[in-house]
Amino acid sequence: MCAVSRDLLKEMGPSDGSPNHSILSVDALWYLNETIEYQANMVKRNTITLVKQLTAKATTDGRWGNSAAQGMV
């Protein structure tokens, strides 16, 4: 996980050529980053679970060749 701290966001400040203000506060940017990371981890976990379930079903049904999991593993 690549967590970004509020302090790091404050230290970084605006990049060259950008205005000295942001539409979002540092706290809002930090919260947005944390939310995106959380959602990405949930998608990853759900995808892994789905692939495991599809693989298990395909192998127990003996339909590996016709399974939706075939291209996912």
N, C-alpha and C. Protein backbone atom coordinates (compact mmCIF):
# COMPACT_ATOMS: atom_id res chain seq x y z
N MET A 1 0.84 -1.17 0.00
CA MET A 1 0.00 0.00 0.00
C MET A 1 0.89 1.23 0.00
N CYS A 2 0.48 2.22 -0.73
CA CYS A 2 1.28 3.42 -0.89
C CYS A 2 0.56 4.60 -0.24
N ALA A 3 0.55 4.62 1.07
CA ALA A 3 -0.16 5.67 1.79
C ALA A 3 0.61 6.98 1.71
N VAL A 4 -0.11 8.06 1.52
CA VAL A 4 0.48 9.40 1.47
C VAL A 4 0.04 10.13 2.73
N SER A 5 1.00 10.64 3.48
CA SER A 5 0.65 11.33 4.72
C SER A 5 0.25 12.77 4.43
N ARG A 6 -0.50 13.34 5.35
CA ARG A 6 -0.90 14.75 5.21
C ARG A 6 0.34 15.65 5.20
N ASP A 7 1.31 15.30 6.05
CA ASP A 7 2.53 16.12 6.13
C ASP A 7 3.27 16.13 4.80
N LEU A 8 3.34 14.96 4.15
CA LEU A 8 4.01 14.89 2.86
C LEU A 8 3.29 15.75 1.84
N LEU A 9 1.97 15.73 1.83
CA LEU A 9 1.21 16.56 0.90
C LEU A 9 1.50 18.04 1.15
N LYS A 10 1.60 18.43 2.43
CA LYS A 10 1.88 19.82 2.76
C LYS A 10 3.29 20.21 2.32
N GLU A 11 4.27 19.31 2.52
CA GLU A 11 5.65 19.58 2.12
C GLU A 11 5.77 19.72 0.61
N MET A 12 5.06 18.87 -0.12
CA MET A 12 5.16 18.88 -1.58
C MET A 12 4.65 20.19 -2.15
N GLY A 13 3.55 20.67 -1.62
CA GLY A 13 2.99 21.91 -2.10
C GLY A 13 2.65 21.84 -3.58
N PRO A 14 2.34 22.99 -4.17
CA PRO A 14 2.02 22.99 -5.59
C PRO A 14 3.27 22.77 -6.43
N SER A 15 3.09 22.15 -7.58
CA SER A 15 4.23 21.92 -8.47
C SER A 15 4.55 23.19 -9.25
N ASP A 16 5.71 23.23 -9.87
CA ASP A 16 6.10 24.41 -10.65
C ASP A 16 5.07 24.71 -11.72
N GLY A 17 4.75 25.97 -11.87
CA GLY A 17 3.81 26.37 -12.90
C GLY A 17 2.36 26.29 -12.47
N SER A 18 2.10 25.74 -11.29
CA SER A 18 0.71 25.65 -10.85
C SER A 18 0.40 26.82 -9.92
N PRO A 19 -0.86 27.13 -9.77
CA PRO A 19 -1.20 28.24 -8.85
C PRO A 19 -0.85 27.89 -7.41
N ASN A 20 -0.80 28.89 -6.56
CA ASN A 20 -0.44 28.69 -5.17
C ASN A 20 -1.60 28.19 -4.32
N HIS A 21 -2.70 27.88 -4.94
CA HIS A 21 -3.84 27.37 -4.19
C HIS A 21 -4.39 26.15 -4.90
N SER A 22 -5.14 25.39 -4.17
CA SER A 22 -5.76 24.19 -4.73
C SER A 22 -7.25 24.27 -4.49
N ILE A 23 -8.00 23.63 -5.36
CA ILE A 23 -9.45 23.58 -5.18
C ILE A 23 -9.76 22.78 -3.92
N LEU A 24 -8.96 21.74 -3.65
CA LEU A 24 -9.16 20.89 -2.48
C LEU A 24 -8.10 21.18 -1.42
N SER A 25 -8.50 21.06 -0.17
CA SER A 25 -7.54 21.24 0.92
C SER A 25 -6.64 20.01 1.01
N VAL A 26 -5.55 20.13 1.75
CA VAL A 26 -4.63 19.01 1.95
C VAL A 26 -5.37 17.84 2.59
N ASP A 27 -6.21 18.13 3.57
CA ASP A 27 -6.97 17.06 4.22
C ASP A 27 -7.91 16.36 3.25
N ALA A 28 -8.54 17.13 2.36
CA ALA A 28 -9.44 16.53 1.37
C ALA A 28 -8.66 15.67 0.39
N LEU A 29 -7.49 16.13 -0.03
CA LEU A 29 -6.65 15.35 -0.95
C LEU A 29 -6.19 14.06 -0.28
N TRP A 30 -5.81 14.15 0.99
CA TRP A 30 -5.38 12.95 1.72
C TRP A 30 -6.53 11.96 1.83
N TYR A 31 -7.72 12.45 2.19
CA TYR A 31 -8.88 11.57 2.32
C TYR A 31 -9.23 10.93 0.97
N LEU A 32 -9.18 11.69 -0.09
CA LEU A 32 -9.46 11.16 -1.43
C LEU A 32 -8.46 10.06 -1.78
N ASN A 33 -7.19 10.28 -1.49
CA ASN A 33 -6.17 9.27 -1.75
C ASN A 33 -6.43 7.99 -0.96
N GLU A 34 -6.76 8.14 0.32
CA GLU A 34 -7.04 6.97 1.16
C GLU A 34 -8.26 6.20 0.64
N THR A 35 -9.28 6.93 0.20
CA THR A 35 -10.49 6.30 -0.32
C THR A 35 -10.20 5.52 -1.60
N ILE A 36 -9.42 6.11 -2.49
CA ILE A 36 -9.06 5.43 -3.74
C ILE A 36 -8.25 4.17 -3.46
N GLU A 37 -7.29 4.25 -2.55
CA GLU A 37 -6.49 3.08 -2.20
C GLU A 37 -7.36 1.98 -1.60
N TYR A 38 -8.29 2.35 -0.74
CA TYR A 38 -9.19 1.37 -0.12
C TYR A 38 -10.03 0.67 -1.19
N GLN A 39 -10.59 1.45 -2.10
CA GLN A 39 -11.43 0.87 -3.16
C GLN A 39 -10.61 -0.04 -4.07
N ALA A 40 -9.38 0.36 -4.39
CA ALA A 40 -8.52 -0.47 -5.24
C ALA A 40 -8.22 -1.81 -4.56
N ASN A 41 -7.97 -1.78 -3.27
CA ASN A 41 -7.72 -3.02 -2.52
C ASN A 41 -8.95 -3.91 -2.48
N MET A 42 -10.13 -3.32 -2.36
CA MET A 42 -11.37 -4.10 -2.37
C MET A 42 -11.58 -4.77 -3.73
N VAL A 43 -11.32 -4.05 -4.80
CA VAL A 43 -11.46 -4.63 -6.15
C VAL A 43 -10.48 -5.78 -6.31
N LYS A 44 -9.26 -5.60 -5.85
CA LYS A 44 -8.25 -6.65 -5.96
C LYS A 44 -8.69 -7.90 -5.19
N ARG A 45 -9.15 -7.70 -3.95
CA ARG A 45 -9.60 -8.82 -3.12
C ARG A 45 -10.79 -9.55 -3.75
N ASN A 46 -11.75 -8.77 -4.25
CA ASN A 46 -12.93 -9.37 -4.86
C ASN A 46 -12.58 -10.13 -6.14
N THR A 47 -11.64 -9.61 -6.91
CA THR A 47 -11.22 -10.28 -8.14
C THR A 47 -10.55 -11.61 -7.82
N ILE A 48 -9.67 -11.61 -6.83
CA ILE A 48 -8.99 -12.84 -6.43
C ILE A 48 -10.01 -13.88 -5.96
N THR A 49 -10.97 -13.45 -5.15
CA THR A 49 -12.01 -14.36 -4.66
C THR A 49 -12.83 -14.92 -5.81
N LEU A 50 -13.21 -14.07 -6.75
CA LEU A 50 -14.01 -14.51 -7.89
C LEU A 50 -13.25 -15.53 -8.74
N VAL A 51 -11.98 -15.27 -9.01
CA VAL A 51 -11.18 -16.20 -9.80
C VAL A 51 -11.07 -17.55 -9.09
N LYS A 52 -10.85 -17.52 -7.78
CA LYS A 52 -10.77 -18.77 -7.02
C LYS A 52 -12.08 -19.55 -7.10
N GLN A 53 -13.20 -18.84 -6.96
CA GLN A 53 -14.50 -19.51 -7.01
C GLN A 53 -14.78 -20.08 -8.39
N LEU A 54 -14.49 -19.31 -9.43
CA LEU A 54 -14.72 -19.80 -10.79
C LEU A 54 -13.82 -20.99 -11.12
N THR A 55 -12.58 -20.92 -10.67
CA THR A 55 -11.65 -22.02 -10.92
C THR A 55 -12.11 -23.28 -10.19
N ALA A 56 -12.53 -23.13 -8.94
CA ALA A 56 -12.99 -24.29 -8.17
C ALA A 56 -14.24 -24.89 -8.80
N LYS A 57 -15.17 -24.06 -9.23
CA LYS A 57 -16.39 -24.55 -9.85
C LYS A 57 -16.08 -25.25 -11.17
N ALA A 58 -15.20 -24.67 -11.96
CA ALA A 58 -14.87 -25.25 -13.26
C ALA A 58 -14.19 -26.60 -13.11
N THR A 59 -13.32 -26.73 -12.12
CA THR A 59 -12.62 -28.00 -11.96
C THR A 59 -13.52 -29.06 -11.35
N THR A 60 -14.44 -28.69 -10.45
CA THR A 60 -15.33 -29.69 -9.86
C THR A 60 -16.42 -30.11 -10.83
N ASP A 61 -16.83 -29.21 -11.71
CA ASP A 61 -17.85 -29.55 -12.71
C ASP A 61 -17.25 -30.30 -13.89
N GLY A 62 -15.94 -30.32 -13.98
CA GLY A 62 -15.28 -30.97 -15.11
C GLY A 62 -15.46 -30.21 -16.41
N ARG A 63 -15.72 -28.90 -16.30
CA ARG A 63 -15.94 -28.10 -17.50
C ARG A 63 -14.82 -27.09 -17.69
N TRP A 64 -13.63 -27.41 -17.35
CA TRP A 64 -12.54 -26.43 -17.41
C TRP A 64 -12.41 -25.81 -18.79
N GLY A 65 -12.56 -26.61 -19.82
CA GLY A 65 -12.39 -26.09 -21.18
C GLY A 65 -13.43 -25.06 -21.57
N ASN A 66 -14.63 -25.12 -21.00
CA ASN A 66 -15.70 -24.20 -21.37
C ASN A 66 -15.97 -23.15 -20.29
N SER A 67 -15.12 -23.10 -19.29
CA SER A 67 -15.38 -22.24 -18.14
C SER A 67 -15.02 -20.79 -18.41
N ALA A 68 -15.75 -19.90 -17.75
CA ALA A 68 -15.43 -18.48 -17.81
C ALA A 68 -14.10 -18.19 -17.13
N ALA A 69 -13.69 -19.08 -16.23
CA ALA A 69 -12.44 -18.87 -15.50
C ALA A 69 -11.22 -19.21 -16.34
N GLN A 70 -11.41 -19.85 -17.46
CA GLN A 70 -10.27 -20.31 -18.26
C GLN A 70 -9.34 -19.16 -18.64
N GLY A 71 -9.89 -18.08 -19.11
CA GLY A 71 -9.05 -16.97 -19.53
C GLY A 71 -8.58 -16.10 -18.39
N MET A 72 -9.07 -16.33 -17.20
CA MET A 72 -8.74 -15.47 -16.07
C MET A 72 -7.58 -16.00 -15.24
N VAL A 73 -7.18 -17.23 -15.43
CA VAL A 73 -6.12 -17.80 -14.60
C VAL A 73 -4.88 -18.03 -15.39
